[in-house]
Amino acid sequence: MKWDNVQKLNDKDFRRITGVKRETWNKMLEIIKEALSVKLSKGGRKPTLPAEEMILATLEYLREYRTYAHIACSYGLNESNMYRTIKWIEDTLIKDGTFSLPGKKALYGDDVEYEIVLIDATESPIERPKKNKDTSTQEKRKDTH
């Protein structure tokens, strides 16, 4: 899915396709473009994909569980190049801290209420058909020779 098609969608469909709201997308794009400008100021090749398509490919990987090879084929890149791109986008967004989840210590605060759910996980026997000579696999194998 290319960015040209996605950007034309209304807000509801945009969220359904990408998994994020437009405001979140714009914040991600701002962070990535800033990181790209810093990265390119040191020299090197420009990325093959624009920032919008790099983010879109990353969201496809995270949301749809597509393989790197499948996404790379969609965007006309090599699988290893797509892996590096997605990994860089993930690392850049995590390093920024805007999209980080609170740590374990945030759960230990005094103002946290806990809800306890009990699950009955006792074992119960499963009814299975009894094996007899007519339905055993060895008998079936003998019939196929």
Protein backbone atom coordinates (compact mmCIF):
# COMPACT_ATOMS: atom_id res chain seq x y z
CA MET A 1 0.00 0.00 0.00
CA LYS A 2 1.51 3.28 -1.05
CA TRP A 3 1.35 6.56 0.79
CA ASP A 4 -0.37 8.29 -2.14
CA ASN A 5 -3.45 6.11 -1.64
CA VAL A 6 -3.46 6.27 2.16
CA GLN A 7 -3.19 10.05 2.50
CA LYS A 8 -6.40 10.55 0.50
CA LEU A 9 -8.48 8.53 2.99
CA ASN A 10 -10.80 10.16 5.50
CA ASP A 11 -9.79 10.04 9.19
CA LYS A 12 -11.84 6.94 9.99
CA ASP A 13 -10.45 4.89 7.11
CA PHE A 14 -6.94 6.24 7.72
CA ARG A 15 -7.11 4.85 11.26
CA ARG A 16 -8.49 1.52 10.02
CA ILE A 17 -5.69 1.09 7.51
CA THR A 18 -2.69 2.38 9.44
CA GLY A 19 -3.78 1.64 13.00
CA VAL A 20 -2.96 5.16 14.21
CA LYS A 21 -4.73 8.50 14.18
CA ARG A 22 -3.57 11.26 11.86
CA GLU A 23 -2.24 13.29 14.79
CA THR A 24 -0.11 10.33 15.87
CA TRP A 25 1.02 9.82 12.28
CA ASN A 26 2.04 13.48 11.98
CA LYS A 27 4.02 13.26 15.22
CA MET A 28 5.77 10.11 13.98
CA LEU A 29 6.52 11.81 10.67
CA GLU A 30 7.93 14.86 12.44
CA ILE A 31 10.25 12.68 14.57
CA ILE A 32 11.44 10.61 11.59
CA LYS A 33 12.06 13.61 9.34
CA GLU A 34 14.10 15.27 12.08
CA ALA A 35 16.12 12.09 12.62
CA LEU A 36 16.63 11.72 8.86
CA SER A 37 17.95 15.26 8.55
CA VAL A 38 20.42 14.60 11.38
CA LYS A 39 21.44 11.29 9.80
CA LEU A 40 21.92 12.82 6.34
CA SER A 41 23.83 15.83 7.67
CA LYS A 42 26.70 13.42 8.40
CA GLY A 43 26.71 12.33 4.75
CA GLY A 44 25.73 9.12 3.03
CA ARG A 45 23.07 8.02 0.57
CA LYS A 46 19.56 9.29 0.72
CA PRO A 47 17.01 6.60 1.60
CA THR A 48 15.22 4.91 -1.28
CA LEU A 49 11.79 5.43 0.30
CA PRO A 50 10.40 8.74 1.53
CA ALA A 51 9.77 9.04 5.27
CA GLU A 52 6.01 8.52 4.84
CA GLU A 53 6.46 5.18 3.11
CA MET A 54 9.06 4.04 5.63
CA ILE A 55 6.57 4.66 8.44
CA LEU A 56 3.79 2.99 6.46
CA ALA A 57 5.96 -0.10 5.85
CA THR A 58 6.80 -0.25 9.56
CA LEU A 59 3.13 -0.07 10.52
CA GLU A 60 2.33 -2.80 8.00
CA TYR A 61 4.98 -4.99 9.60
CA LEU A 62 3.75 -4.32 13.14
CA ARG A 63 0.03 -4.37 12.43
CA GLU A 64 -0.38 -7.07 9.79
CA TYR A 65 2.48 -9.44 10.75
CA ARG A 66 3.72 -9.38 7.16
CA THR A 67 7.20 -10.72 6.49
CA TYR A 68 10.06 -8.45 5.51
CA ALA A 69 10.23 -10.20 2.14
CA HIS A 70 6.55 -9.54 1.43
CA ILE A 71 6.76 -5.86 2.41
CA ALA A 72 10.01 -5.44 0.47
CA CYS A 73 8.36 -6.87 -2.62
CA SER A 74 5.48 -4.40 -2.25
CA TYR A 75 7.88 -1.45 -2.12
CA GLY A 76 10.40 -2.74 -4.67
CA LEU A 77 13.29 -3.14 -2.23
CA ASN A 78 15.56 -5.90 -1.05
CA GLU A 79 14.50 -7.82 2.08
CA SER A 80 17.62 -6.82 4.05
CA ASN A 81 17.12 -3.17 3.13
CA MET A 82 13.51 -3.35 4.36
CA TYR A 83 14.67 -4.98 7.61
CA ARG A 84 17.17 -2.18 8.24
CA THR A 85 14.58 0.49 7.41
CA ILE A 86 11.91 -0.93 9.72
CA LYS A 87 14.43 -1.50 12.51
CA TRP A 88 15.72 2.08 12.18
CA ILE A 89 12.17 3.51 12.30
CA GLU A 90 11.34 1.45 15.40
CA ASP A 91 14.57 2.38 17.16
CA THR A 92 14.22 6.08 16.29
CA LEU A 93 10.65 6.28 17.61
CA ILE A 94 11.58 4.40 20.79
CA LYS A 95 14.66 6.55 21.37
CA ASP A 96 12.58 9.71 21.06
CA GLY A 97 10.49 8.59 24.03
CA THR A 98 7.19 10.05 22.83
CA PHE A 99 5.74 6.61 22.13
CA SER A 100 7.30 4.75 25.07
CA LEU A 101 5.16 2.90 27.56
CA PRO A 102 5.59 3.55 31.28
CA GLY A 103 8.05 1.26 33.06
CA LYS A 104 7.46 -1.22 35.86
CA LYS A 105 7.96 1.40 38.55
CA ALA A 106 4.91 3.31 37.32
CA LEU A 107 2.79 0.33 38.35
CA TYR A 108 4.09 0.44 41.93
CA GLY A 109 2.58 3.86 42.70
CA ASP A 110 0.16 4.31 45.58
CA ASP A 111 -2.63 5.60 43.37
CA VAL A 112 -2.87 2.42 41.32
CA GLU A 113 -5.92 0.22 41.82
CA TYR A 114 -5.56 -3.44 41.02
CA GLU A 115 -8.29 -5.64 39.65
CA ILE A 116 -7.97 -9.33 40.35
CA VAL A 117 -9.37 -11.86 37.95
CA LEU A 118 -9.51 -15.54 38.86
CA ILE A 119 -9.47 -18.14 36.14
CA ASP A 120 -10.54 -21.71 36.72
CA ALA A 121 -7.71 -23.70 35.14
CA THR A 122 -8.37 -27.12 36.66
CA GLU A 123 -7.79 -30.07 34.44
CA SER A 124 -10.73 -31.92 33.02
CA PRO A 125 -10.55 -35.10 31.00
CA ILE A 126 -11.17 -34.84 27.29
CA GLU A 127 -13.46 -37.39 25.71
CA ARG A 128 -11.66 -39.10 22.90
CA PRO A 129 -12.82 -42.03 20.81
CA LYS A 130 -11.40 -45.37 21.84
CA LYS A 131 -9.01 -46.97 19.41
CA ASN A 132 -9.85 -50.35 18.03
CA LYS A 133 -8.32 -52.54 15.41
CA ASP A 134 -10.46 -51.16 12.59
CA THR A 135 -9.47 -47.55 13.09
CA SER A 136 -5.81 -47.88 14.04
CA THR A 137 -3.29 -46.26 11.74
CA GLN A 138 -1.24 -49.42 11.29
CA GLU A 139 -4.26 -51.20 9.89
CA LYS A 140 -4.93 -48.33 7.54
CA ARG A 141 -1.34 -48.39 6.34
CA LYS A 142 -1.55 -52.08 5.55
CA ASP A 143 -4.59 -51.45 3.37
CA THR A 144 -2.81 -48.90 1.20
CA HIS A 145 0.04 -51.23 0.09
